[in-house]
Amino acid sequence: MTEPDRDQQAVGNIEPLLSVDEVAGLLRISESGVYRLIRREELCCVKVGSRTLFEQPELRAFIATKRKGSTTSTEELRSPRNEAA
């Protein structure tokens, strides 16, 4: 397993991508649980070579859709008008 990147500063408008183990830690689930969410297409990932990585805004959108009582859809969170906010 590779070490997480220590430099967490955004370059331009791009935030650092998160690894599977980082996402698992943030969501407090197992790494296999993260892969299960990917298979169910509930969580989007980025493949870079053999690594599975995650964009922070996608993770925030996923969390927002899982909030109890949330009526905001993932598509609404990704809409261009919300990007400018």
PDB file of N, CA and C in Angstrom:
ATOM      1  N   MET A   1       0.853  -1.168   0.000  1.00  0.00           N
ATOM      2  CA  MET A   1       0.000   0.000   0.000  1.00  0.00           C
ATOM      3  C   MET A   1       0.901   1.233   0.000  1.00  0.00           C
ATOM      4  N   THR A   2       0.527   2.229  -0.751  1.00  0.00           N
ATOM      5  CA  THR A   2       1.333   3.433  -0.826  1.00  0.00           C
ATOM      6  C   THR A   2       0.918   4.419   0.250  1.00  0.00           C
ATOM      7  N   GLU A   3       1.850   5.279   0.596  1.00  0.00           N
ATOM      8  CA  GLU A   3       1.580   6.314   1.580  1.00  0.00           C
ATOM      9  C   GLU A   3       0.691   7.396   0.983  1.00  0.00           C
ATOM     10  N   PRO A   4      -0.217   7.972   1.765  1.00  0.00           N
ATOM     11  CA  PRO A   4      -1.008   9.092   1.251  1.00  0.00           C
ATOM     12  C   PRO A   4      -0.089  10.280   0.991  1.00  0.00           C
ATOM     13  N   ASP A   5      -0.463  11.115   0.042  1.00  0.00           N
ATOM     14  CA  ASP A   5       0.318  12.302  -0.245  1.00  0.00           C
ATOM     15  C   ASP A   5       0.289  13.224   0.961  1.00  0.00           C
ATOM     16  N   ARG A   6       1.452  13.715   1.328  1.00  0.00           N
ATOM     17  CA  ARG A   6       1.547  14.602   2.498  1.00  0.00           C
ATOM     18  C   ARG A   6       1.203  16.041   2.140  1.00  0.00           C
ATOM     19  N   ASP A   7       1.458  16.442   0.901  1.00  0.00           N
ATOM     20  CA  ASP A   7       1.171  17.805   0.480  1.00  0.00           C
ATOM     21  C   ASP A   7      -0.292  17.886   0.077  1.00  0.00           C
ATOM     22  N   GLN A   8      -1.119  18.455   0.933  1.00  0.00           N
ATOM     23  CA  GLN A   8      -2.559  18.498   0.699  1.00  0.00           C
ATOM     24  C   GLN A   8      -3.035  19.827   0.143  1.00  0.00           C
ATOM     25  N   GLN A   9      -2.125  20.609  -0.444  1.00  0.00           N
ATOM     26  CA  GLN A   9      -2.528  21.896  -1.002  1.00  0.00           C
ATOM     27  C   GLN A   9      -3.095  21.700  -2.393  1.00  0.00           C
ATOM     28  N   ALA A  10      -4.133  22.479  -2.697  1.00  0.00           N
ATOM     29  CA  ALA A  10      -4.736  22.436  -4.025  1.00  0.00           C
ATOM     30  C   ALA A  10      -3.801  23.112  -5.019  1.00  0.00           C
ATOM     31  N   VAL A  11      -3.745  22.551  -6.221  1.00  0.00           N
ATOM     32  CA  VAL A  11      -2.976  23.143  -7.301  1.00  0.00           C
ATOM     33  C   VAL A  11      -3.986  23.762  -8.252  1.00  0.00           C
ATOM     34  N   GLY A  12      -3.928  25.083  -8.400  1.00  0.00           N
ATOM     35  CA  GLY A  12      -4.944  25.757  -9.209  1.00  0.00           C
ATOM     36  C   GLY A  12      -6.296  25.551  -8.562  1.00  0.00           C
ATOM     37  N   ASN A  13      -7.259  25.058  -9.330  1.00  0.00           N
ATOM     38  CA  ASN A  13      -8.592  24.765  -8.808  1.00  0.00           C
ATOM     39  C   ASN A  13      -8.783  23.287  -8.521  1.00  0.00           C
ATOM     40  N   ILE A  14      -7.711  22.509  -8.549  1.00  0.00           N
ATOM     41  CA  ILE A  14      -7.820  21.067  -8.361  1.00  0.00           C
ATOM     42  C   ILE A  14      -7.392  20.694  -6.943  1.00  0.00           C
ATOM     43  N   GLU A  15      -8.325  20.088  -6.212  1.00  0.00           N
ATOM     44  CA  GLU A  15      -8.005  19.602  -4.871  1.00  0.00           C
ATOM     45  C   GLU A  15      -7.309  18.255  -4.996  1.00  0.00           C
ATOM     46  N   PRO A  16      -6.495  17.874  -4.021  1.00  0.00           N
ATOM     47  CA  PRO A  16      -5.840  16.567  -4.073  1.00  0.00           C
ATOM     48  C   PRO A  16      -6.877  15.441  -4.094  1.00  0.00           C
ATOM     49  N   LEU A  17      -6.590  14.400  -4.863  1.00  0.00           N
ATOM     50  CA  LEU A  17      -7.461  13.234  -4.914  1.00  0.00           C
ATOM     51  C   LEU A  17      -7.234  12.398  -3.661  1.00  0.00           C
ATOM     52  N   LEU A  18      -8.291  11.732  -3.215  1.00  0.00           N
ATOM     53  CA  LEU A  18      -8.222  10.891  -2.019  1.00  0.00           C
ATOM     54  C   LEU A  18      -8.101   9.425  -2.404  1.00  0.00           C
ATOM     55  N   SER A  19      -7.349   8.675  -1.619  1.00  0.00           N
ATOM     56  CA  SER A  19      -7.186   7.241  -1.860  1.00  0.00           C
ATOM     57  C   SER A  19      -8.339   6.466  -1.220  1.00  0.00           C
ATOM     58  N   VAL A  20      -8.414   5.186  -1.539  1.00  0.00           N
ATOM     59  CA  VAL A  20      -9.465   4.325  -0.981  1.00  0.00           C
ATOM     60  C   VAL A  20      -9.373   4.298   0.536  1.00  0.00           C
ATOM     61  N   ASP A  21      -8.160   4.151   1.074  1.00  0.00           N
ATOM     62  CA  ASP A  21      -8.042   4.077   2.530  1.00  0.00           C
ATOM     63  C   ASP A  21      -8.384   5.416   3.193  1.00  0.00           C
ATOM     64  N   GLU A  22      -8.095   6.534   2.533  1.00  0.00           N
ATOM     65  CA  GLU A  22      -8.484   7.832   3.084  1.00  0.00           C
ATOM     66  C   GLU A  22     -10.004   7.989   3.096  1.00  0.00           C
ATOM     67  N   VAL A  23     -10.657   7.590   2.009  1.00  0.00           N
ATOM     68  CA  VAL A  23     -12.123   7.680   1.940  1.00  0.00           C
ATOM     69  C   VAL A  23     -12.754   6.753   2.968  1.00  0.00           C
ATOM     70  N   ALA A  24     -12.214   5.555   3.095  1.00  0.00           N
ATOM     71  CA  ALA A  24     -12.724   4.613   4.097  1.00  0.00           C
ATOM     72  C   ALA A  24     -12.628   5.225   5.493  1.00  0.00           C
ATOM     73  N   GLY A  25     -11.503   5.864   5.788  1.00  0.00           N
ATOM     74  CA  GLY A  25     -11.325   6.507   7.085  1.00  0.00           C
ATOM     75  C   GLY A  25     -12.297   7.655   7.304  1.00  0.00           C
ATOM     76  N   LEU A  26     -12.492   8.483   6.267  1.00  0.00           N
ATOM     77  CA  LEU A  26     -13.410   9.613   6.380  1.00  0.00           C
ATOM     78  C   LEU A  26     -14.850   9.157   6.581  1.00  0.00           C
ATOM     79  N   LEU A  27     -15.244   8.090   5.870  1.00  0.00           N
ATOM     80  CA  LEU A  27     -16.614   7.579   5.982  1.00  0.00           C
ATOM     81  C   LEU A  27     -16.781   6.606   7.146  1.00  0.00           C
ATOM     82  N   ARG A  28     -15.659   6.231   7.745  1.00  0.00           N
ATOM     83  CA  ARG A  28     -15.640   5.265   8.853  1.00  0.00           C
ATOM     84  C   ARG A  28     -16.251   3.928   8.455  1.00  0.00           C
ATOM     85  N   ILE A  29     -15.839   3.470   7.260  1.00  0.00           N
ATOM     86  CA  ILE A  29     -16.240   2.154   6.768  1.00  0.00           C
ATOM     87  C   ILE A  29     -14.975   1.432   6.319  1.00  0.00           C
ATOM     88  N   SER A  30     -15.105   0.162   5.980  1.00  0.00           N
ATOM     89  CA  SER A  30     -13.953  -0.604   5.509  1.00  0.00           C
ATOM     90  C   SER A  30     -13.633  -0.262   4.059  1.00  0.00           C
ATOM     91  N   GLU A  31     -12.421  -0.611   3.637  1.00  0.00           N
ATOM     92  CA  GLU A  31     -12.042  -0.412   2.237  1.00  0.00           C
ATOM     93  C   GLU A  31     -12.958  -1.227   1.325  1.00  0.00           C
ATOM     94  N   SER A  32     -13.347  -2.431   1.756  1.00  0.00           N
ATOM     95  CA  SER A  32     -14.257  -3.229   0.928  1.00  0.00           C
ATOM     96  C   SER A  32     -15.628  -2.552   0.828  1.00  0.00           C
ATOM     97  N   GLY A  33     -16.019  -1.819   1.864  1.00  0.00           N
ATOM     98  CA  GLY A  33     -17.256  -1.047   1.811  1.00  0.00           C
ATOM     99  C   GLY A  33     -17.181   0.069   0.774  1.00  0.00           C
ATOM    100  N   VAL A  34     -16.007   0.680   0.634  1.00  0.00           N
ATOM    101  CA  VAL A  34     -15.812   1.714  -0.387  1.00  0.00           C
ATOM    102  C   VAL A  34     -15.958   1.092  -1.770  1.00  0.00           C
ATOM    103  N   TYR A  35     -15.309  -0.053  -1.993  1.00  0.00           N
ATOM    104  CA  TYR A  35     -15.415  -0.730  -3.290  1.00  0.00           C
ATOM    105  C   TYR A  35     -16.859  -1.155  -3.573  1.00  0.00           C
ATOM    106  N   ARG A  36     -17.596  -1.531  -2.538  1.00  0.00           N
ATOM    107  CA  ARG A  36     -19.010  -1.898  -2.703  1.00  0.00           C
ATOM    108  C   ARG A  36     -19.824  -0.692  -3.186  1.00  0.00           C
ATOM    109  N   LEU A  37     -19.564   0.483  -2.616  1.00  0.00           N
ATOM    110  CA  LEU A  37     -20.253   1.702  -3.049  1.00  0.00           C
ATOM    111  C   LEU A  37     -19.931   2.032  -4.500  1.00  0.00           C
ATOM    112  N   ILE A  38     -18.696   1.765  -4.917  1.00  0.00           N
ATOM    113  CA  ILE A  38     -18.308   1.996  -6.314  1.00  0.00           C
ATOM    114  C   ILE A  38     -19.081   1.048  -7.227  1.00  0.00           C
ATOM    115  N   ARG A  39     -19.123  -0.229  -6.866  1.00  0.00           N
ATOM    116  CA  ARG A  39     -19.845  -1.220  -7.685  1.00  0.00           C
ATOM    117  C   ARG A  39     -21.319  -0.871  -7.819  1.00  0.00           C
ATOM    118  N   ARG A  40     -21.911  -0.353  -6.749  1.00  0.00           N
ATOM    119  CA  ARG A  40     -23.329   0.029  -6.766  1.00  0.00           C
ATOM    120  C   ARG A  40     -23.552   1.377  -7.461  1.00  0.00           C
ATOM    121  N   GLU A  41     -22.460   1.979  -7.903  1.00  0.00           N
ATOM    122  CA  GLU A  41     -22.482   3.291  -8.563  1.00  0.00           C
ATOM    123  C   GLU A  41     -23.054   4.376  -7.654  1.00  0.00           C
ATOM    124  N   GLU A  42     -22.827   4.236  -6.358  1.00  0.00           N
ATOM    125  CA  GLU A  42     -23.231   5.258  -5.400  1.00  0.00           C
ATOM    126  C   GLU A  42     -22.106   6.259  -5.173  1.00  0.00           C
ATOM    127  N   LEU A  43     -20.880   5.849  -5.458  1.00  0.00           N
ATOM    128  CA  LEU A  43     -19.709   6.680  -5.237  1.00  0.00           C
ATOM    129  C   LEU A  43     -18.858   6.650  -6.499  1.00  0.00           C
ATOM    130  N   CYS A  44     -18.543   7.827  -7.023  1.00  0.00           N
ATOM    131  CA  CYS A  44     -17.751   7.938  -8.253  1.00  0.00           C
ATOM    132  C   CYS A  44     -16.269   7.927  -7.907  1.00  0.00           C
ATOM    133  N   CYS A  45     -15.489   7.322  -8.780  1.00  0.00           N
ATOM    134  CA  CYS A  45     -14.046   7.287  -8.571  1.00  0.00           C
ATOM    135  C   CYS A  45     -13.324   7.657  -9.856  1.00  0.00           C
ATOM    136  N   VAL A  46     -12.032   7.887  -9.723  1.00  0.00           N
ATOM    137  CA  VAL A  46     -11.147   8.190 -10.840  1.00  0.00           C
ATOM    138  C   VAL A  46     -10.061   7.121 -10.833  1.00  0.00           C
ATOM    139  N   LYS A  47      -9.853   6.471 -11.970  1.00  0.00           N
ATOM    140  CA  LYS A  47      -8.785   5.479 -12.067  1.00  0.00           C
ATOM    141  C   LYS A  47      -7.554   6.156 -12.667  1.00  0.00           C
ATOM    142  N   VAL A  48      -6.437   6.093 -11.961  1.00  0.00           N
ATOM    143  CA  VAL A  48      -5.155   6.602 -12.446  1.00  0.00           C
ATOM    144  C   VAL A  48      -4.193   5.431 -12.371  1.00  0.00           C
ATOM    145  N   GLY A  49      -3.927   4.852 -13.547  1.00  0.00           N
ATOM    146  CA  GLY A  49      -3.153   3.611 -13.560  1.00  0.00           C
ATOM    147  C   GLY A  49      -3.941   2.548 -12.826  1.00  0.00           C
ATOM    148  N   SER A  50      -3.309   1.935 -11.837  1.00  0.00           N
ATOM    149  CA  SER A  50      -3.998   0.900 -11.065  1.00  0.00           C
ATOM    150  C   SER A  50      -4.632   1.468  -9.794  1.00  0.00           C
ATOM    151  N   ARG A  51      -4.457   2.759  -9.558  1.00  0.00           N
ATOM    152  CA  ARG A  51      -4.997   3.372  -8.337  1.00  0.00           C
ATOM    153  C   ARG A  51      -6.435   3.832  -8.526  1.00  0.00           C
ATOM    154  N   THR A  52      -7.224   3.669  -7.487  1.00  0.00           N
ATOM    155  CA  THR A  52      -8.598   4.152  -7.441  1.00  0.00           C
ATOM    156  C   THR A  52      -8.594   5.368  -6.527  1.00  0.00           C
ATOM    157  N   LEU A  53      -8.969   6.514  -7.088  1.00  0.00           N
ATOM    158  CA  LEU A  53      -8.918   7.764  -6.343  1.00  0.00           C
ATOM    159  C   LEU A  53     -10.265   8.470  -6.395  1.00  0.00           C
ATOM    160  N   PHE A  54     -10.443   9.451  -5.519  1.00  0.00           N
ATOM    161  CA  PHE A  54     -11.727  10.126  -5.382  1.00  0.00           C
ATOM    162  C   PHE A  54     -11.538  11.629  -5.329  1.00  0.00           C
ATOM    163  N   GLU A  55     -12.441  12.336  -6.013  1.00  0.00           N
ATOM    164  CA  GLU A  55     -12.447  13.791  -5.965  1.00  0.00           C
ATOM    165  C   GLU A  55     -13.216  14.230  -4.722  1.00  0.00           C
ATOM    166  N   GLN A  56     -12.689  15.213  -4.026  1.00  0.00           N
ATOM    167  CA  GLN A  56     -13.319  15.668  -2.794  1.00  0.00           C
ATOM    168  C   GLN A  56     -14.737  16.200  -3.001  1.00  0.00           C
ATOM    169  N   PRO A  57     -15.012  16.957  -4.068  1.00  0.00           N
ATOM    170  CA  PRO A  57     -16.405  17.405  -4.261  1.00  0.00           C
ATOM    171  C   PRO A  57     -17.385  16.236  -4.460  1.00  0.00           C
ATOM    172  N   GLU A  58     -16.944  15.177  -5.132  1.00  0.00           N
ATOM    173  CA  GLU A  58     -17.802  13.993  -5.307  1.00  0.00           C
ATOM    174  C   GLU A  58     -18.097  13.339  -3.963  1.00  0.00           C
ATOM    175  N   LEU A  59     -17.094  13.295  -3.101  1.00  0.00           N
ATOM    176  CA  LEU A  59     -17.294  12.706  -1.772  1.00  0.00           C
ATOM    177  C   LEU A  59     -18.266  13.562  -0.962  1.00  0.00           C
ATOM    178  N   ARG A  60     -18.123  14.882  -1.055  1.00  0.00           N
ATOM    179  CA  ARG A  60     -19.060  15.767  -0.361  1.00  0.00           C
ATOM    180  C   ARG A  60     -20.484  15.569  -0.878  1.00  0.00           C
ATOM    181  N   ALA A  61     -20.634  15.426  -2.191  1.00  0.00           N
ATOM    182  CA  ALA A  61     -21.962  15.215  -2.786  1.00  0.00           C
ATOM    183  C   ALA A  61     -22.551  13.892  -2.298  1.00  0.00           C
ATOM    184  N   PHE A  62     -21.727  12.848  -2.242  1.00  0.00           N
ATOM    185  CA  PHE A  62     -22.187  11.552  -1.753  1.00  0.00           C
ATOM    186  C   PHE A  62     -22.693  11.675  -0.316  1.00  0.00           C
ATOM    187  N   ILE A  63     -21.915  12.337   0.520  1.00  0.00           N
ATOM    188  CA  ILE A  63     -22.308  12.511   1.920  1.00  0.00           C
ATOM    189  C   ILE A  63     -23.612  13.294   2.014  1.00  0.00           C
ATOM    190  N   ALA A  64     -23.748  14.337   1.213  1.00  0.00           N
ATOM    191  CA  ALA A  64     -24.961  15.160   1.235  1.00  0.00           C
ATOM    192  C   ALA A  64     -26.195  14.337   0.881  1.00  0.00           C
ATOM    193  N   THR A  65     -26.059  13.410  -0.071  1.00  0.00           N
ATOM    194  CA  THR A  65     -27.219  12.600  -0.459  1.00  0.00           C
ATOM    195  C   THR A  65     -27.589  11.581   0.613  1.00  0.00           C
ATOM    196  N   LYS A  66     -26.658  11.274   1.498  1.00  0.00           N
ATOM    197  CA  LYS A  66     -26.911  10.282   2.541  1.00  0.00           C
ATOM    198  C   LYS A  66     -27.408  10.896   3.837  1.00  0.00           C
ATOM    199  N   ARG A  67     -27.442  12.219   3.909  1.00  0.00           N
ATOM    200  CA  ARG A  67     -27.949  12.869   5.119  1.00  0.00           C
ATOM    201  C   ARG A  67     -29.410  12.506   5.326  1.00  0.00           C
ATOM    202  N   LYS A  68     -29.766  12.211   6.545  1.00  0.00           N
ATOM    203  CA  LYS A  68     -31.149  11.872   6.865  1.00  0.00           C
ATOM    204  C   LYS A  68     -32.027  13.077   6.580  1.00  0.00           C
ATOM    205  N   GLY A  69     -33.078  12.856   5.801  1.00  0.00           N
ATOM    206  CA  GLY A  69     -34.002  13.921   5.471  1.00  0.00           C
ATOM    207  C   GLY A  69     -33.566  14.767   4.292  1.00  0.00           C
ATOM    208  N   SER A  70     -32.444  14.408   3.662  1.00  0.00           N
ATOM    209  CA  SER A  70     -31.959  15.195   2.524  1.00  0.00           C
ATOM    210  C   SER A  70     -32.827  14.948   1.304  1.00  0.00           C
ATOM    211  N   THR A  71     -33.220  16.027   0.631  1.00  0.00           N
ATOM    212  CA  THR A  71     -33.990  15.903  -0.601  1.00  0.00           C
ATOM    213  C   THR A  71     -33.182  16.380  -1.798  1.00  0.00           C
ATOM    214  N   THR A  72     -31.926  16.791  -1.579  1.00  0.00           N
ATOM    215  CA  THR A  72     -31.067  17.267  -2.650  1.00  0.00           C
ATOM    216  C   THR A  72     -30.457  16.074  -3.366  1.00  0.00           C
ATOM    217  N   SER A  73     -30.627  16.032  -4.674  1.00  0.00           N
ATOM    218  CA  SER A  73     -30.052  14.935  -5.442  1.00  0.00           C
ATOM    219  C   SER A  73     -28.602  15.239  -5.793  1.00  0.00           C
ATOM    220  N   THR A  74     -27.850  14.217  -6.132  1.00  0.00           N
ATOM    221  CA  THR A  74     -26.460  14.380  -6.548  1.00  0.00           C
ATOM    222  C   THR A  74     -26.383  15.257  -7.781  1.00  0.00           C
ATOM    223  N   GLU A  75     -27.317  15.111  -8.719  1.00  0.00           N
ATOM    224  CA  GLU A  75     -27.297  15.917  -9.942  1.00  0.00           C
ATOM    225  C   GLU A  75     -27.466  17.392  -9.618  1.00  0.00           C
ATOM    226  N   GLU A  76     -28.319  17.713  -8.649  1.00  0.00           N
ATOM    227  CA  GLU A  76     -28.497  19.104  -8.262  1.00  0.00           C
ATOM    228  C   GLU A  76     -27.209  19.671  -7.686  1.00  0.00           C
ATOM    229  N   LEU A  77     -26.473  18.858  -6.922  1.00  0.00           N
ATOM    230  CA  LEU A  77     -25.222  19.314  -6.333  1.00  0.00           C
ATOM    231  C   LEU A  77     -24.151  19.554  -7.386  1.00  0.00           C
ATOM    232  N   ARG A  78     -24.218  18.843  -8.508  1.00  0.00           N
ATOM    233  CA  ARG A  78     -23.224  18.963  -9.568  1.00  0.00           C
ATOM    234  C   ARG A  78     -23.583  20.011 -10.615  1.00  0.00           C
ATOM    235  N   SER A  79     -24.762  20.612 -10.521  1.00  0.00           N
ATOM    236  CA  SER A  79     -25.195  21.524 -11.569  1.00  0.00           C
ATOM    237  C   SER A  79     -24.271  22.735 -11.646  1.00  0.00           C
ATOM    238  N   PRO A  80     -24.103  23.316 -12.856  1.00  0.00           N
ATOM    239  CA  PRO A  80     -23.200  24.446 -13.053  1.00  0.00           C
ATOM    240  C   PRO A  80     -23.516  25.645 -12.171  1.00  0.00           C
ATOM    241  N   ARG A  81     -24.771  25.875 -11.881  1.00  0.00           N
ATOM    242  CA  ARG A  81     -25.092  27.041 -11.035  1.00  0.00           C
ATOM    243  C   ARG A  81     -24.561  26.864  -9.620  1.00  0.00           C
ATOM    244  N   ASN A  82     -24.438  25.610  -9.139  1.00  0.00           N
ATOM    245  CA  ASN A  82     -23.890  25.377  -7.802  1.00  0.00           C
ATOM    246  C   ASN A  82     -22.368  25.393  -7.818  1.00  0.00           C
ATOM    247  N   GLU A  83     -21.741  25.160  -8.963  1.00  0.00           N
ATOM    248  CA  GLU A  83     -20.281  25.179  -9.083  1.00  0.00           C
ATOM    249  C   GLU A  83     -19.746  26.570  -8.829  1.00  0.00           C
ATOM    250  N   ALA A  84     -20.490  27.597  -9.241  1.00  0.00           N
ATOM    251  CA  ALA A  84     -20.015  28.971  -9.118  1.00  0.00           C
ATOM    252  C   ALA A  84     -20.137  29.493  -7.689  1.00  0.00           C
ATOM    253  N   ALA A  85     -20.949  28.840  -6.878  1.00  0.00           N
ATOM    254  CA  ALA A  85     -21.194  29.315  -5.509  1.00  0.00           C
ATOM    255  C   ALA A  85     -19.979  29.182  -4.624  1.00  0.00           C
TER     256      ALA A  85
END
